Amino acid sequence: TSWRPPDADHQYGHGKIENLAALSETILLVLTSFWILKEAVG
């Protein structure tokens, strides 16, 4: 979706969808890491 050209609602294009995806992946990794730490301490 990020390659789509600008339209009336997204006049600078859809490129930031990729940045949002990267941030979402980061949050998932952080949650995983804290779960691992909790289990490892146990």
ModelCIF file with pLDDT and N, C-alpha, C, O atoms, coordinates in Angstrom:
data_MODEL
#
_entry.id   MODEL 
#
_entity.id                         1 
_entity.type                       polymer 
_entity.pdbx_number_of_molecules   1 
#
_entity_poly.entity_id                      1 
_entity_poly.type                           'polypeptide(L)' 
_entity_poly.nstd_linkage                   no 
_entity_poly.nstd_monomer                   no 
_entity_poly.pdbx_seq_one_letter_code       TSWRPPDADHQYGHGKIENLAALSETILLVLTSFWILKEAVG 
_entity_poly.pdbx_seq_one_letter_code_can   TSWRPPDADHQYGHGKIENLAALSETILLVLTSFWILKEAVG 
_entity_poly.pdbx_strand_id                 A 
#
loop_
_entity_poly_seq.entity_id 
_entity_poly_seq.num 
_entity_poly_seq.mon_id 
_entity_poly_seq.hetero 
1 1  THR n 
1 2  SER n 
1 3  TRP n 
1 4  ARG n 
1 5  PRO n 
1 6  PRO n 
1 7  ASP n 
1 8  ALA n 
1 9  ASP n 
1 10 HIS n 
1 11 GLN n 
1 12 TYR n 
1 13 GLY n 
1 14 HIS n 
1 15 GLY n 
1 16 LYS n 
1 17 ILE n 
1 18 GLU n 
1 19 ASN n 
1 20 LEU n 
1 21 ALA n 
1 22 ALA n 
1 23 LEU n 
1 24 SER n 
1 25 GLU n 
1 26 THR n 
1 27 ILE n 
1 28 LEU n 
1 29 LEU n 
1 30 VAL n 
1 31 LEU n 
1 32 THR n 
1 33 SER n 
1 34 PHE n 
1 35 TRP n 
1 36 ILE n 
1 37 LEU n 
1 38 LYS n 
1 39 GLU n 
1 40 ALA n 
1 41 VAL n 
1 42 GLY n 
#
_struct_asym.id          A 
_struct_asym.entity_id   1 
#
loop_
_ma_qa_metric.id 
_ma_qa_metric.mode 
_ma_qa_metric.name 
_ma_qa_metric.software_group_id 
_ma_qa_metric.type 
1 global pLDDT . pLDDT 
2 local  pLDDT . pLDDT 
#
_ma_qa_metric_global.metric_id      1 
_ma_qa_metric_global.metric_value   73.10 
_ma_qa_metric_global.model_id       1 
_ma_qa_metric_global.ordinal_id     1 
#
loop_
_ma_qa_metric_local.label_asym_id 
_ma_qa_metric_local.label_comp_id 
_ma_qa_metric_local.label_seq_id 
_ma_qa_metric_local.metric_id 
_ma_qa_metric_local.metric_value 
_ma_qa_metric_local.model_id 
_ma_qa_metric_local.ordinal_id 
A THR 1  2 69.00 1 1  
A SER 2  2 59.00 1 2  
A TRP 3  2 60.00 1 3  
A ARG 4  2 68.00 1 4  
A PRO 5  2 68.00 1 5  
A PRO 6  2 69.00 1 6  
A ASP 7  2 69.00 1 7  
A ALA 8  2 71.00 1 8  
A ASP 9  2 69.00 1 9  
A HIS 10 2 67.00 1 10 
A GLN 11 2 62.00 1 11 
A TYR 12 2 66.00 1 12 
A GLY 13 2 65.00 1 13 
A HIS 14 2 64.00 1 14 
A GLY 15 2 66.00 1 15 
A LYS 16 2 73.00 1 16 
A ILE 17 2 70.00 1 17 
A GLU 18 2 69.00 1 18 
A ASN 19 2 72.00 1 19 
A LEU 20 2 77.00 1 20 
A ALA 21 2 73.00 1 21 
A ALA 22 2 73.00 1 22 
A LEU 23 2 80.00 1 23 
A SER 24 2 78.00 1 24 
A GLU 25 2 73.00 1 25 
A THR 26 2 79.00 1 26 
A ILE 27 2 83.00 1 27 
A LEU 28 2 77.00 1 28 
A LEU 29 2 76.00 1 29 
A VAL 30 2 84.00 1 30 
A LEU 31 2 81.00 1 31 
A THR 32 2 75.00 1 32 
A SER 33 2 79.00 1 33 
A PHE 34 2 85.00 1 34 
A TRP 35 2 77.00 1 35 
A ILE 36 2 76.00 1 36 
A LEU 37 2 82.00 1 37 
A LYS 38 2 80.00 1 38 
A GLU 39 2 74.00 1 39 
A ALA 40 2 77.00 1 40 
A VAL 41 2 80.00 1 41 
A GLY 42 2 75.00 1 42 
#
loop_
_atom_site.group_PDB 
_atom_site.id 
_atom_site.type_symbol 
_atom_site.label_atom_id 
_atom_site.label_alt_id 
_atom_site.label_comp_id 
_atom_site.label_asym_id 
_atom_site.label_entity_id 
_atom_site.label_seq_id 
_atom_site.pdbx_PDB_ins_code 
_atom_site.Cartn_x 
_atom_site.Cartn_y 
_atom_site.Cartn_z 
_atom_site.occupancy 
_atom_site.B_iso_or_equiv 
_atom_site.pdbx_formal_charge 
_atom_site.auth_seq_id 
_atom_site.auth_comp_id 
_atom_site.auth_asym_id 
_atom_site.auth_atom_id 
_atom_site.pdbx_PDB_model_num 
ATOM 1   N N  . THR A 1 1  ? 0.801  -1.225  0.000  1.00 69.00 ? 1  THR A N  1 
ATOM 2   C CA . THR A 1 1  ? 0.000  0.000   0.000  1.00 69.00 ? 1  THR A CA 1 
ATOM 3   C C  . THR A 1 1  ? 0.838  1.281   0.000  1.00 69.00 ? 1  THR A C  1 
ATOM 4   O O  . THR A 1 1  ? 0.372  2.316   -0.476 1.00 69.00 ? 1  THR A O  1 
ATOM 5   N N  . SER A 1 2  ? 2.063  1.230   0.524  1.00 59.00 ? 2  SER A N  1 
ATOM 6   C CA . SER A 1 2  ? 2.832  2.467   0.699  1.00 59.00 ? 2  SER A CA 1 
ATOM 7   C C  . SER A 1 2  ? 3.273  3.098   -0.621 1.00 59.00 ? 2  SER A C  1 
ATOM 8   O O  . SER A 1 2  ? 3.559  4.295   -0.655 1.00 59.00 ? 2  SER A O  1 
ATOM 9   N N  . TRP A 1 3  ? 3.336  2.325   -1.709 1.00 60.00 ? 3  TRP A N  1 
ATOM 10  C CA . TRP A 1 3  ? 3.793  2.857   -2.989 1.00 60.00 ? 3  TRP A CA 1 
ATOM 11  C C  . TRP A 1 3  ? 2.717  3.669   -3.703 1.00 60.00 ? 3  TRP A C  1 
ATOM 12  O O  . TRP A 1 3  ? 3.019  4.365   -4.673 1.00 60.00 ? 3  TRP A O  1 
ATOM 13  N N  . ARG A 1 4  ? 1.477  3.594   -3.248 1.00 68.00 ? 4  ARG A N  1 
ATOM 14  C CA . ARG A 1 4  ? 0.389  4.256   -3.964 1.00 68.00 ? 4  ARG A CA 1 
ATOM 15  C C  . ARG A 1 4  ? 0.631  5.758   -4.062 1.00 68.00 ? 4  ARG A C  1 
ATOM 16  O O  . ARG A 1 4  ? 1.130  6.367   -3.115 1.00 68.00 ? 4  ARG A O  1 
ATOM 17  N N  . PRO A 1 5  ? 0.289  6.349   -5.179 1.00 68.00 ? 5  PRO A N  1 
ATOM 18  C CA . PRO A 1 5  ? 0.542  7.783   -5.372 1.00 68.00 ? 5  PRO A CA 1 
ATOM 19  C C  . PRO A 1 5  ? -0.353 8.642   -4.486 1.00 68.00 ? 5  PRO A C  1 
ATOM 20  O O  . PRO A 1 5  ? -1.337 8.150   -3.932 1.00 68.00 ? 5  PRO A O  1 
ATOM 21  N N  . PRO A 1 6  ? -0.014 9.929   -4.349 1.00 69.00 ? 6  PRO A N  1 
ATOM 22  C CA . PRO A 1 6  ? -0.840 10.835  -3.533 1.00 69.00 ? 6  PRO A CA 1 
ATOM 23  C C  . PRO A 1 6  ? -2.277 10.888  -4.043 1.00 69.00 ? 6  PRO A C  1 
ATOM 24  O O  . PRO A 1 6  ? -2.532 10.744  -5.239 1.00 69.00 ? 6  PRO A O  1 
ATOM 25  N N  . ASP A 1 7  ? -3.210 11.096  -3.115 1.00 69.00 ? 7  ASP A N  1 
ATOM 26  C CA . ASP A 1 7  ? -4.601 11.280  -3.480 1.00 69.00 ? 7  ASP A CA 1 
ATOM 27  C C  . ASP A 1 7  ? -5.170 12.447  -2.673 1.00 69.00 ? 7  ASP A C  1 
ATOM 28  O O  . ASP A 1 7  ? -4.425 13.148  -1.989 1.00 69.00 ? 7  ASP A O  1 
ATOM 29  N N  . ALA A 1 8  ? -6.474 12.657  -2.749 1.00 71.00 ? 8  ALA A N  1 
ATOM 30  C CA . ALA A 1 8  ? -7.081 13.815  -2.094 1.00 71.00 ? 8  ALA A CA 1 
ATOM 31  C C  . ALA A 1 8  ? -6.930 13.760  -0.576 1.00 71.00 ? 8  ALA A C  1 
ATOM 32  O O  . ALA A 1 8  ? -6.826 14.799  0.075  1.00 71.00 ? 8  ALA A O  1 
ATOM 33  N N  . ASP A 1 9  ? -6.916 12.559  -0.012 1.00 69.00 ? 9  ASP A N  1 
ATOM 34  C CA . ASP A 1 9  ? -6.812 12.406  1.437  1.00 69.00 ? 9  ASP A CA 1 
ATOM 35  C C  . ASP A 1 9  ? -5.379 12.264  1.928  1.00 69.00 ? 9  ASP A C  1 
ATOM 36  O O  . ASP A 1 9  ? -5.102 12.542  3.094  1.00 69.00 ? 9  ASP A O  1 
ATOM 37  N N  . HIS A 1 10 ? -4.467 11.839  1.067  1.00 67.00 ? 10 HIS A N  1 
ATOM 38  C CA . HIS A 1 10 ? -3.063 11.634  1.429  1.00 67.00 ? 10 HIS A CA 1 
ATOM 39  C C  . HIS A 1 10 ? -2.199 12.348  0.386  1.00 67.00 ? 10 HIS A C  1 
ATOM 40  O O  . HIS A 1 10 ? -1.664 11.731  -0.534 1.00 67.00 ? 10 HIS A O  1 
ATOM 41  N N  . GLN A 1 11 ? -2.083 13.647  0.558  1.00 62.00 ? 11 GLN A N  1 
ATOM 42  C CA . GLN A 1 11 ? -1.474 14.482  -0.479 1.00 62.00 ? 11 GLN A CA 1 
ATOM 43  C C  . GLN A 1 11 ? 0.038  14.325  -0.566 1.00 62.00 ? 11 GLN A C  1 
ATOM 44  O O  . GLN A 1 11 ? 0.640  14.762  -1.546 1.00 62.00 ? 11 GLN A O  1 
ATOM 45  N N  . TYR A 1 12 ? 0.667  13.713  0.435  1.00 66.00 ? 12 TYR A N  1 
ATOM 46  C CA . TYR A 1 12 ? 2.092  13.404  0.380  1.00 66.00 ? 12 TYR A CA 1 
ATOM 47  C C  . TYR A 1 12 ? 2.333  11.912  0.140  1.00 66.00 ? 12 TYR A C  1 
ATOM 48  O O  . TYR A 1 12 ? 3.433  11.414  0.376  1.00 66.00 ? 12 TYR A O  1 
ATOM 49  N N  . GLY A 1 13 ? 1.314  11.209  -0.323 1.00 65.00 ? 13 GLY A N  1 
ATOM 50  C CA . GLY A 1 13 ? 1.468  9.789   -0.591 1.00 65.00 ? 13 GLY A CA 1 
ATOM 51  C C  . GLY A 1 13 ? 1.187  8.937   0.641  1.00 65.00 ? 13 GLY A C  1 
ATOM 52  O O  . GLY A 1 13 ? 0.695  9.431   1.655  1.00 65.00 ? 13 GLY A O  1 
ATOM 53  N N  . HIS A 1 14 ? 1.508  7.650   0.537  1.00 64.00 ? 14 HIS A N  1 
ATOM 54  C CA . HIS A 1 14 ? 1.223  6.681   1.588  1.00 64.00 ? 14 HIS A CA 1 
ATOM 55  C C  . HIS A 1 14 ? 2.489  6.074   2.181  1.00 64.00 ? 14 HIS A C  1 
ATOM 56  O O  . HIS A 1 14 ? 2.434  5.006   2.791  1.00 64.00 ? 14 HIS A O  1 
ATOM 57  N N  . GLY A 1 15 ? 3.621  6.737   2.011  1.00 66.00 ? 15 GLY A N  1 
ATOM 58  C CA . GLY A 1 15 ? 4.905  6.180   2.424  1.00 66.00 ? 15 GLY A CA 1 
ATOM 59  C C  . GLY A 1 15 ? 5.032  5.918   3.909  1.00 66.00 ? 15 GLY A C  1 
ATOM 60  O O  . GLY A 1 15 ? 5.759  5.012   4.316  1.00 66.00 ? 15 GLY A O  1 
ATOM 61  N N  . LYS A 1 16 ? 4.327  6.705   4.738  1.00 73.00 ? 16 LYS A N  1 
ATOM 62  C CA . LYS A 1 16 ? 4.484  6.534   6.182  1.00 73.00 ? 16 LYS A CA 1 
ATOM 63  C C  . LYS A 1 16 ? 3.830  5.271   6.716  1.00 73.00 ? 16 LYS A C  1 
ATOM 64  O O  . LYS A 1 16 ? 3.996  4.930   7.887  1.00 73.00 ? 16 LYS A O  1 
ATOM 65  N N  . ILE A 1 17 ? 3.082  4.570   5.857  1.00 70.00 ? 17 ILE A N  1 
ATOM 66  C CA . ILE A 1 17 ? 2.568  3.270   6.272  1.00 70.00 ? 17 ILE A CA 1 
ATOM 67  C C  . ILE A 1 17 ? 3.732  2.346   6.613  1.00 70.00 ? 17 ILE A C  1 
ATOM 68  O O  . ILE A 1 17 ? 3.643  1.550   7.548  1.00 70.00 ? 17 ILE A O  1 
ATOM 69  N N  . GLU A 1 18 ? 4.834  2.454   5.848  1.00 69.00 ? 18 GLU A N  1 
ATOM 70  C CA . GLU A 1 18 ? 6.015  1.640   6.138  1.00 69.00 ? 18 GLU A CA 1 
ATOM 71  C C  . GLU A 1 18 ? 6.600  2.001   7.495  1.00 69.00 ? 18 GLU A C  1 
ATOM 72  O O  . GLU A 1 18 ? 7.014  1.115   8.243  1.00 69.00 ? 18 GLU A O  1 
ATOM 73  N N  . ASN A 1 19 ? 6.641  3.289   7.827  1.00 72.00 ? 19 ASN A N  1 
ATOM 74  C CA . ASN A 1 19 ? 7.188  3.700   9.119  1.00 72.00 ? 19 ASN A CA 1 
ATOM 75  C C  . ASN A 1 19 ? 6.307  3.215   10.265 1.00 72.00 ? 19 ASN A C  1 
ATOM 76  O O  . ASN A 1 19 ? 6.813  2.810   11.311 1.00 72.00 ? 19 ASN A O  1 
ATOM 77  N N  . LEU A 1 20 ? 4.987  3.254   10.070 1.00 77.00 ? 20 LEU A N  1 
ATOM 78  C CA . LEU A 1 20 ? 4.074  2.725   11.080 1.00 77.00 ? 20 LEU A CA 1 
ATOM 79  C C  . LEU A 1 20 ? 4.267  1.217   11.254 1.00 77.00 ? 20 LEU A C  1 
ATOM 80  O O  . LEU A 1 20 ? 4.206  0.701   12.370 1.00 77.00 ? 20 LEU A O  1 
ATOM 81  N N  . ALA A 1 21 ? 4.499  0.519   10.144 1.00 73.00 ? 21 ALA A N  1 
ATOM 82  C CA . ALA A 1 21 ? 4.731  -0.920  10.220 1.00 73.00 ? 21 ALA A CA 1 
ATOM 83  C C  . ALA A 1 21 ? 5.999  -1.214  11.009 1.00 73.00 ? 21 ALA A C  1 
ATOM 84  O O  . ALA A 1 21 ? 6.027  -2.127  11.834 1.00 73.00 ? 21 ALA A O  1 
ATOM 85  N N  . ALA A 1 22 ? 7.053  -0.433  10.751 1.00 73.00 ? 22 ALA A N  1 
ATOM 86  C CA . ALA A 1 22 ? 8.308  -0.634  11.475 1.00 73.00 ? 22 ALA A CA 1 
ATOM 87  C C  . ALA A 1 22 ? 8.129  -0.391  12.967 1.00 73.00 ? 22 ALA A C  1 
ATOM 88  O O  . ALA A 1 22 ? 8.686  -1.125  13.784 1.00 73.00 ? 22 ALA A O  1 
ATOM 89  N N  . LEU A 1 23 ? 7.356  0.633   13.335 1.00 80.00 ? 23 LEU A N  1 
ATOM 90  C CA . LEU A 1 23 ? 7.116  0.923   14.748 1.00 80.00 ? 23 LEU A CA 1 
ATOM 91  C C  . LEU A 1 23 ? 6.286  -0.188  15.394 1.00 80.00 ? 23 LEU A C  1 
ATOM 92  O O  . LEU A 1 23 ? 6.536  -0.564  16.539 1.00 80.00 ? 23 LEU A O  1 
ATOM 93  N N  . SER A 1 24 ? 5.309  -0.709  14.670 1.00 78.00 ? 24 SER A N  1 
ATOM 94  C CA . SER A 1 24 ? 4.500  -1.812  15.198 1.00 78.00 ? 24 SER A CA 1 
ATOM 95  C C  . SER A 1 24 ? 5.365  -3.043  15.466 1.00 78.00 ? 24 SER A C  1 
ATOM 96  O O  . SER A 1 24 ? 5.210  -3.709  16.490 1.00 78.00 ? 24 SER A O  1 
ATOM 97  N N  . GLU A 1 25 ? 6.273  -3.337  14.541 1.00 73.00 ? 25 GLU A N  1 
ATOM 98  C CA . GLU A 1 25 ? 7.167  -4.476  14.727 1.00 73.00 ? 25 GLU A CA 1 
ATOM 99  C C  . GLU A 1 25 ? 8.048  -4.283  15.958 1.00 73.00 ? 25 GLU A C  1 
ATOM 100 O O  . GLU A 1 25 ? 8.315  -5.227  16.701 1.00 73.00 ? 25 GLU A O  1 
ATOM 101 N N  . THR A 1 26 ? 8.490  -3.058  16.160 1.00 79.00 ? 26 THR A N  1 
ATOM 102 C CA . THR A 1 26 ? 9.342  -2.757  17.303 1.00 79.00 ? 26 THR A CA 1 
ATOM 103 C C  . THR A 1 26 ? 8.597  -3.012  18.614 1.00 79.00 ? 26 THR A C  1 
ATOM 104 O O  . THR A 1 26 ? 9.149  -3.604  19.542 1.00 79.00 ? 26 THR A O  1 
ATOM 105 N N  . ILE A 1 27 ? 7.356  -2.567  18.684 1.00 83.00 ? 27 ILE A N  1 
ATOM 106 C CA . ILE A 1 27 ? 6.563  -2.769  19.903 1.00 83.00 ? 27 ILE A CA 1 
ATOM 107 C C  . ILE A 1 27 ? 6.377  -4.257  20.181 1.00 83.00 ? 27 ILE A C  1 
ATOM 108 O O  . ILE A 1 27 ? 6.459  -4.688  21.331 1.00 83.00 ? 27 ILE A O  1 
ATOM 109 N N  . LEU A 1 28 ? 6.128  -5.046  19.134 1.00 77.00 ? 28 LEU A N  1 
ATOM 110 C CA . LEU A 1 28 ? 5.981  -6.489  19.306 1.00 77.00 ? 28 LEU A CA 1 
ATOM 111 C C  . LEU A 1 28 ? 7.263  -7.110  19.846 1.00 77.00 ? 28 LEU A C  1 
ATOM 112 O O  . LEU A 1 28 ? 7.210  -7.978  20.717 1.00 77.00 ? 28 LEU A O  1 
ATOM 113 N N  . LEU A 1 29 ? 8.407  -6.676  19.341 1.00 76.00 ? 29 LEU A N  1 
ATOM 114 C CA . LEU A 1 29 ? 9.681  -7.208  19.806 1.00 76.00 ? 29 LEU A CA 1 
ATOM 115 C C  . LEU A 1 29 ? 9.926  -6.871  21.277 1.00 76.00 ? 29 LEU A C  1 
ATOM 116 O O  . LEU A 1 29 ? 10.418 -7.704  22.038 1.00 76.00 ? 29 LEU A O  1 
ATOM 117 N N  . VAL A 1 30 ? 9.582  -5.653  21.667 1.00 84.00 ? 30 VAL A N  1 
ATOM 118 C CA . VAL A 1 30 ? 9.779  -5.246  23.061 1.00 84.00 ? 30 VAL A CA 1 
ATOM 119 C C  . VAL A 1 30 ? 8.913  -6.090  23.995 1.00 84.00 ? 30 VAL A C  1 
ATOM 120 O O  . VAL A 1 30 ? 9.386  -6.541  25.038 1.00 84.00 ? 30 VAL A O  1 
ATOM 121 N N  . LEU A 1 31 ? 7.654  -6.305  23.629 1.00 81.00 ? 31 LEU A N  1 
ATOM 122 C CA . LEU A 1 31 ? 6.768  -7.125  24.452 1.00 81.00 ? 31 LEU A CA 1 
ATOM 123 C C  . LEU A 1 31 ? 7.303  -8.552  24.577 1.00 81.00 ? 31 LEU A C  1 
ATOM 124 O O  . LEU A 1 31 ? 7.269  -9.144  25.655 1.00 81.00 ? 31 LEU A O  1 
ATOM 125 N N  . THR A 1 32 ? 7.797  -9.096  23.466 1.00 75.00 ? 32 THR A N  1 
ATOM 126 C CA . THR A 1 32 ? 8.369  -10.438 23.504 1.00 75.00 ? 32 THR A CA 1 
ATOM 127 C C  . THR A 1 32 ? 9.555  -10.506 24.454 1.00 75.00 ? 32 THR A C  1 
ATOM 128 O O  . THR A 1 32 ? 9.687  -11.448 25.235 1.00 75.00 ? 32 THR A O  1 
ATOM 129 N N  . SER A 1 33 ? 10.413 -9.499  24.380 1.00 79.00 ? 33 SER A N  1 
ATOM 130 C CA . SER A 1 33 ? 11.627 -9.492  25.199 1.00 79.00 ? 33 SER A CA 1 
ATOM 131 C C  . SER A 1 33 ? 11.300 -9.469  26.680 1.00 79.00 ? 33 SER A C  1 
ATOM 132 O O  . SER A 1 33 ? 11.941 -10.170 27.463 1.00 79.00 ? 33 SER A O  1 
ATOM 133 N N  . PHE A 1 34 ? 10.315 -8.676  27.080 1.00 85.00 ? 34 PHE A N  1 
ATOM 134 C CA . PHE A 1 34 ? 9.956  -8.623  28.495 1.00 85.00 ? 34 PHE A CA 1 
ATOM 135 C C  . PHE A 1 34 ? 9.346  -9.954  28.957 1.00 85.00 ? 34 PHE A C  1 
ATOM 136 O O  . PHE A 1 34 ? 9.570  -10.373 30.093 1.00 85.00 ? 34 PHE A O  1 
ATOM 137 N N  . TRP A 1 35 ? 8.588  -10.610 28.098 1.00 77.00 ? 35 TRP A N  1 
ATOM 138 C CA . TRP A 1 35 ? 8.051  -11.920 28.444 1.00 77.00 ? 35 TRP A CA 1 
ATOM 139 C C  . TRP A 1 35 ? 9.179  -12.931 28.636 1.00 77.00 ? 35 TRP A C  1 
ATOM 140 O O  . TRP A 1 35 ? 9.155  -13.730 29.571 1.00 77.00 ? 35 TRP A O  1 
ATOM 141 N N  . ILE A 1 36 ? 10.171 -12.887 27.735 1.00 76.00 ? 36 ILE A N  1 
ATOM 142 C CA . ILE A 1 36 ? 11.319 -13.791 27.859 1.00 76.00 ? 36 ILE A CA 1 
ATOM 143 C C  . ILE A 1 36 ? 12.053 -13.551 29.171 1.00 76.00 ? 36 ILE A C  1 
ATOM 144 O O  . ILE A 1 36 ? 12.411 -14.504 29.863 1.00 76.00 ? 36 ILE A O  1 
ATOM 145 N N  . LEU A 1 37 ? 12.277 -12.302 29.515 1.00 82.00 ? 37 LEU A N  1 
ATOM 146 C CA . LEU A 1 37 ? 12.985 -11.973 30.751 1.00 82.00 ? 37 LEU A CA 1 
ATOM 147 C C  . LEU A 1 37 ? 12.230 -12.516 31.972 1.00 82.00 ? 37 LEU A C  1 
ATOM 148 O O  . LEU A 1 37 ? 12.835 -13.072 32.889 1.00 82.00 ? 37 LEU A O  1 
ATOM 149 N N  . LYS A 1 38 ? 10.918 -12.349 31.969 1.00 80.00 ? 38 LYS A N  1 
ATOM 150 C CA . LYS A 1 38 ? 10.112 -12.829 33.088 1.00 80.00 ? 38 LYS A CA 1 
ATOM 151 C C  . LYS A 1 38 ? 10.237 -14.346 33.241 1.00 80.00 ? 38 LYS A C  1 
ATOM 152 O O  . LYS A 1 38 ? 10.444 -14.847 34.346 1.00 80.00 ? 38 LYS A O  1 
ATOM 153 N N  . GLU A 1 39 ? 10.113 -15.065 32.142 1.00 74.00 ? 39 GLU A N  1 
ATOM 154 C CA . GLU A 1 39 ? 10.210 -16.516 32.191 1.00 74.00 ? 39 GLU A CA 1 
ATOM 155 C C  . GLU A 1 39 ? 11.610 -16.975 32.579 1.00 74.00 ? 39 GLU A C  1 
ATOM 156 O O  . GLU A 1 39 ? 11.762 -17.950 33.316 1.00 74.00 ? 39 GLU A O  1 
ATOM 157 N N  . ALA A 1 40 ? 12.626 -16.282 32.091 1.00 77.00 ? 40 ALA A N  1 
ATOM 158 C CA . ALA A 1 40 ? 14.005 -16.672 32.386 1.00 77.00 ? 40 ALA A CA 1 
ATOM 159 C C  . ALA A 1 40 ? 14.329 -16.505 33.864 1.00 77.00 ? 40 ALA A C  1 
ATOM 160 O O  . ALA A 1 40 ? 15.005 -17.351 34.450 1.00 77.00 ? 40 ALA A O  1 
ATOM 161 N N  . VAL A 1 41 ? 13.854 -15.425 34.468 1.00 80.00 ? 41 VAL A N  1 
ATOM 162 C CA . VAL A 1 41 ? 14.080 -15.209 35.895 1.00 80.00 ? 41 VAL A CA 1 
ATOM 163 C C  . VAL A 1 41 ? 13.422 -16.325 36.701 1.00 80.00 ? 41 VAL A C  1 
ATOM 164 O O  . VAL A 1 41 ? 13.985 -16.799 37.687 1.00 80.00 ? 41 VAL A O  1 
ATOM 165 N N  . GLY A 1 42 ? 12.230 -16.742 36.277 1.00 75.00 ? 42 GLY A N  1 
ATOM 166 C CA . GLY A 1 42 ? 11.565 -17.844 36.948 1.00 75.00 ? 42 GLY A CA 1 
ATOM 167 C C  . GLY A 1 42 ? 12.364 -19.129 36.876 1.00 75.00 ? 42 GLY A C  1 
ATOM 168 O O  . GLY A 1 42 ? 11.932 -20.156 37.400 1.00 75.00 ? 42 GLY A O  1 
#
